[in-house]
Amino acid sequence: MTSALFTEWVKDLNSKMKRADRNVLLLLDNAPSHPVDLNLSNVKLLFLPANTTAKLQPLDQGIIQNMKQFYRKRLLRSVIAKIDNESVVSAESVSKSLNVMDAVQWVNSSIKDVKADTVTKCFRKAGFKESLFASDSVVVDDDDDDDEDDNVPIQELVELMRVANKKISLGDTMALKEYLDVDSDIPNG
């Protein structure tokens, strides 16, 4: 992301919100690509304090991780489908068959799979007040325990990893926990 691209995008968003007669608040970190001096009529930019993104940004409270689980599930399903369609398969041939367009579509679908109540819970976890959700039509259970449905992607990933390991010789394979946490130490912001 560059400052010019972000400015173009947020001005376009502002135009859409103006046409729709809506006002929105856009919560941002202090990335250099986020200019602070934009005058927008229908989009208000609110910047998180420095060095607080990991604690205050709702995306970092579970939304990104949930989306990644859906993405990895799609990736594994694709790999297994490719393995099923080949008589002789190597890890190298499967990896070469993956393409950027598939990845982009998987990201798009995975974002759409994140449930509204997951987003709401992450906003709460980041400290947003309940009054922000008052006009929301989503009914969310207040308990902080994970719903059984929240674990479905992980359960499916476990099964998909088992199937993949049976069908292809991967040499030194990583454990499922390693696969799920492969980027857990990389900042999201």
Protein backbone atom coordinates (compact mmCIF):
# COMPACT_ATOMS: atom_id res chain seq x y z
CA MET A 1 0.00 0.00 0.00
CA THR A 2 1.22 3.47 -0.82
CA SER A 3 -0.05 6.82 0.38
CA ALA A 4 -1.27 7.64 -3.12
CA LEU A 5 -3.20 4.35 -3.45
CA PHE A 6 -4.73 4.72 0.00
CA THR A 7 -5.74 8.33 -0.70
CA GLU A 8 -7.38 7.31 -3.99
CA TRP A 9 -9.19 4.42 -2.29
CA VAL A 10 -10.46 6.44 0.69
CA LYS A 11 -11.63 9.31 -1.55
CA ASP A 12 -13.56 6.77 -3.63
CA LEU A 13 -15.06 5.36 -0.42
CA ASN A 14 -15.99 8.88 0.65
CA SER A 15 -17.77 9.49 -2.69
CA LYS A 16 -19.74 6.24 -2.29
CA MET A 17 -20.73 7.13 1.27
CA LYS A 18 -21.78 10.62 0.17
CA ARG A 19 -24.00 9.20 -2.59
CA ALA A 20 -25.51 6.76 -0.10
CA ASP A 21 -25.99 9.58 2.46
CA ARG A 22 -23.94 7.64 5.02
CA ASN A 23 -21.21 8.65 7.43
CA VAL A 24 -18.60 6.09 8.46
CA LEU A 25 -15.69 5.89 10.84
CA LEU A 26 -12.55 4.23 9.49
CA LEU A 27 -10.24 2.90 12.19
CA LEU A 28 -6.59 2.94 11.07
CA ASP A 29 -3.16 2.19 12.42
CA ASN A 30 -0.30 4.64 11.98
CA ALA A 31 1.13 3.08 8.83
CA PRO A 32 3.06 5.56 6.69
CA SER A 33 0.61 4.91 3.85
CA HIS A 34 -2.26 6.38 5.90
CA PRO A 35 -2.10 10.17 5.46
CA VAL A 36 -3.59 12.14 8.34
CA ASP A 37 -4.37 15.33 6.46
CA LEU A 38 -7.30 14.23 4.28
CA ASN A 39 -10.46 16.34 4.29
CA LEU A 40 -13.37 13.97 3.74
CA SER A 41 -17.06 14.76 4.09
CA ASN A 42 -18.51 11.33 4.91
CA VAL A 43 -15.55 9.29 6.12
CA LYS A 44 -13.88 10.10 9.40
CA LEU A 45 -10.40 8.68 9.93
CA LEU A 46 -9.56 7.64 13.48
CA PHE A 47 -5.94 6.67 14.10
CA LEU A 48 -4.96 4.24 16.82
CA PRO A 49 -2.25 5.43 19.20
CA ALA A 50 1.27 4.31 18.29
CA ASN A 51 2.27 0.81 19.37
CA THR A 52 -1.26 -0.21 20.35
CA THR A 53 -2.49 -1.82 17.14
CA ALA A 54 -2.09 -5.40 18.37
CA LYS A 55 -4.38 -4.70 21.34
CA LEU A 56 -6.85 -2.16 19.95
CA GLN A 57 -7.40 -3.17 16.33
CA PRO A 58 -10.39 -5.52 16.02
CA LEU A 59 -8.77 -7.31 13.06
CA ASP A 60 -5.93 -8.39 15.38
CA GLN A 61 -8.37 -9.74 17.97
CA GLY A 62 -9.33 -12.74 15.85
CA ILE A 63 -10.82 -11.60 12.54
CA ILE A 64 -7.62 -12.08 10.54
CA GLN A 65 -6.91 -15.43 12.20
CA ASN A 66 -10.44 -16.65 11.45
CA MET A 67 -10.12 -15.59 7.81
CA LYS A 68 -6.76 -17.38 7.55
CA GLN A 69 -8.35 -20.61 8.82
CA PHE A 70 -10.97 -20.45 6.08
CA TYR A 71 -8.26 -19.69 3.52
CA ARG A 72 -6.08 -22.60 4.61
CA LYS A 73 -9.07 -24.92 4.45
CA ARG A 74 -9.66 -23.88 0.82
CA LEU A 75 -5.98 -24.33 0.02
CA LEU A 76 -5.92 -27.83 1.49
CA ARG A 77 -9.12 -28.79 -0.33
CA SER A 78 -7.55 -27.64 -3.59
CA VAL A 79 -4.38 -29.62 -2.95
CA ILE A 80 -6.37 -32.76 -2.13
CA ALA A 81 -8.49 -32.33 -5.27
CA LYS A 82 -5.30 -32.04 -7.35
CA ILE A 83 -3.90 -35.15 -5.66
CA ASP A 84 -7.13 -37.04 -6.36
CA ASN A 85 -6.98 -36.08 -10.04
CA GLU A 86 -3.40 -37.31 -10.61
CA SER A 87 -2.10 -40.87 -10.74
CA VAL A 88 1.46 -39.90 -9.74
CA VAL A 89 1.79 -36.84 -7.59
CA SER A 90 4.72 -35.05 -6.07
CA ALA A 91 4.62 -32.14 -3.67
CA GLU A 92 6.51 -30.11 -6.29
CA SER A 93 3.93 -30.75 -9.02
CA VAL A 94 1.05 -29.87 -6.70
CA SER A 95 2.73 -26.64 -5.58
CA LYS A 96 3.37 -25.63 -9.20
CA SER A 97 -0.31 -26.14 -10.03
CA LEU A 98 -1.45 -23.46 -7.56
CA ASN A 99 -1.91 -19.96 -8.96
CA VAL A 100 -2.37 -16.40 -7.77
CA MET A 101 -5.93 -16.09 -9.12
CA ASP A 102 -7.02 -19.06 -6.99
CA ALA A 103 -5.38 -17.47 -3.95
CA VAL A 104 -7.13 -14.14 -4.57
CA GLN A 105 -10.50 -15.89 -4.92
CA TRP A 106 -9.86 -17.93 -1.76
CA VAL A 107 -9.04 -14.75 0.18
CA ASN A 108 -12.23 -13.09 -1.11
CA SER A 109 -14.38 -16.09 -0.16
CA SER A 110 -12.63 -16.53 3.17
CA ILE A 111 -13.30 -12.92 4.19
CA LYS A 112 -16.97 -13.41 3.36
CA ASP A 113 -17.05 -16.54 5.55
CA VAL A 114 -16.09 -14.63 8.69
CA LYS A 115 -19.34 -14.37 10.65
CA ALA A 116 -20.79 -11.06 11.79
CA ASP A 117 -20.81 -12.25 15.39
CA THR A 118 -17.07 -13.01 15.14
CA VAL A 119 -16.47 -9.43 14.00
CA THR A 120 -18.67 -8.07 16.78
CA LYS A 121 -16.86 -10.15 19.42
CA CYS A 122 -13.50 -8.91 18.15
CA PHE A 123 -14.65 -5.28 18.37
CA ARG A 124 -15.76 -5.93 21.96
CA LYS A 125 -12.45 -7.60 22.77
CA ALA A 126 -10.65 -4.52 21.39
CA GLY A 127 -12.59 -2.39 23.88
CA PHE A 128 -15.32 -0.88 21.74
CA LYS A 129 -18.37 0.06 23.78
CA GLU A 130 -21.59 -1.91 23.57
CA SER A 131 -23.49 1.19 22.42
CA LEU A 132 -21.76 0.91 19.03
CA PHE A 133 -23.67 -2.30 18.41
CA ALA A 134 -27.07 -1.06 19.59
CA SER A 135 -28.39 -0.40 16.09
CA ASP A 136 -26.83 -3.57 14.75
CA SER A 137 -29.30 -6.25 13.72
CA VAL A 138 -26.86 -8.99 14.68
CA VAL A 139 -27.73 -10.73 17.92
CA VAL A 140 -24.58 -11.89 19.65
CA ASP A 141 -24.19 -14.12 22.67
CA ASP A 142 -22.32 -12.16 25.34
CA ASP A 143 -20.29 -15.03 26.76
CA ASP A 144 -16.62 -14.88 25.83
CA ASP A 145 -16.31 -18.63 25.35
CA ASP A 146 -15.73 -19.75 21.80
CA ASP A 147 -18.83 -21.11 20.13
CA GLU A 148 -18.63 -24.68 18.91
CA ASP A 149 -18.99 -23.33 15.36
CA ASP A 150 -15.81 -21.26 15.81
CA ASN A 151 -13.80 -24.48 15.87
CA VAL A 152 -15.30 -25.99 12.72
CA PRO A 153 -12.58 -24.61 10.41
CA ILE A 154 -9.84 -26.06 12.63
CA GLN A 155 -11.60 -29.43 12.84
CA GLU A 156 -11.92 -29.49 9.06
CA LEU A 157 -8.27 -28.52 8.68
CA VAL A 158 -7.25 -31.43 10.90
CA GLU A 159 -9.18 -33.85 8.70
CA LEU A 160 -7.89 -32.29 5.47
CA MET A 161 -4.28 -32.55 6.72
CA ARG A 162 -4.82 -36.24 7.54
CA VAL A 163 -6.20 -36.91 4.05
CA ALA A 164 -3.35 -35.01 2.38
CA ASN A 165 -0.70 -36.83 4.41
CA LYS A 166 -2.15 -40.21 3.38
CA LYS A 167 -2.28 -39.34 -0.32
CA ILE A 168 1.09 -37.75 -0.95
CA SER A 169 4.57 -38.24 0.34
CA LEU A 170 5.62 -34.85 1.58
CA GLY A 171 8.93 -35.80 3.13
CA ASP A 172 9.45 -33.70 6.24
CA THR A 173 5.89 -32.62 6.98
CA MET A 174 4.93 -29.99 9.46
CA ALA A 175 2.50 -30.80 12.21
CA LEU A 176 -1.00 -29.34 11.98
CA LYS A 177 -0.24 -26.96 14.86
CA GLU A 178 2.76 -25.65 12.91
CA TYR A 179 0.59 -25.18 9.80
CA LEU A 180 -2.08 -23.29 11.72
CA ASP A 181 0.47 -21.12 13.52
CA VAL A 182 2.92 -20.68 10.63
CA ASP A 183 2.55 -16.90 10.70
CA SER A 184 1.27 -16.28 14.22
CA ASP A 185 4.38 -14.29 15.13
CA ILE A 186 4.06 -11.94 12.13
CA PRO A 187 2.34 -8.63 12.91
CA ASN A 188 -0.97 -8.17 11.06
CA GLY A 189 -0.91 -4.41 10.98
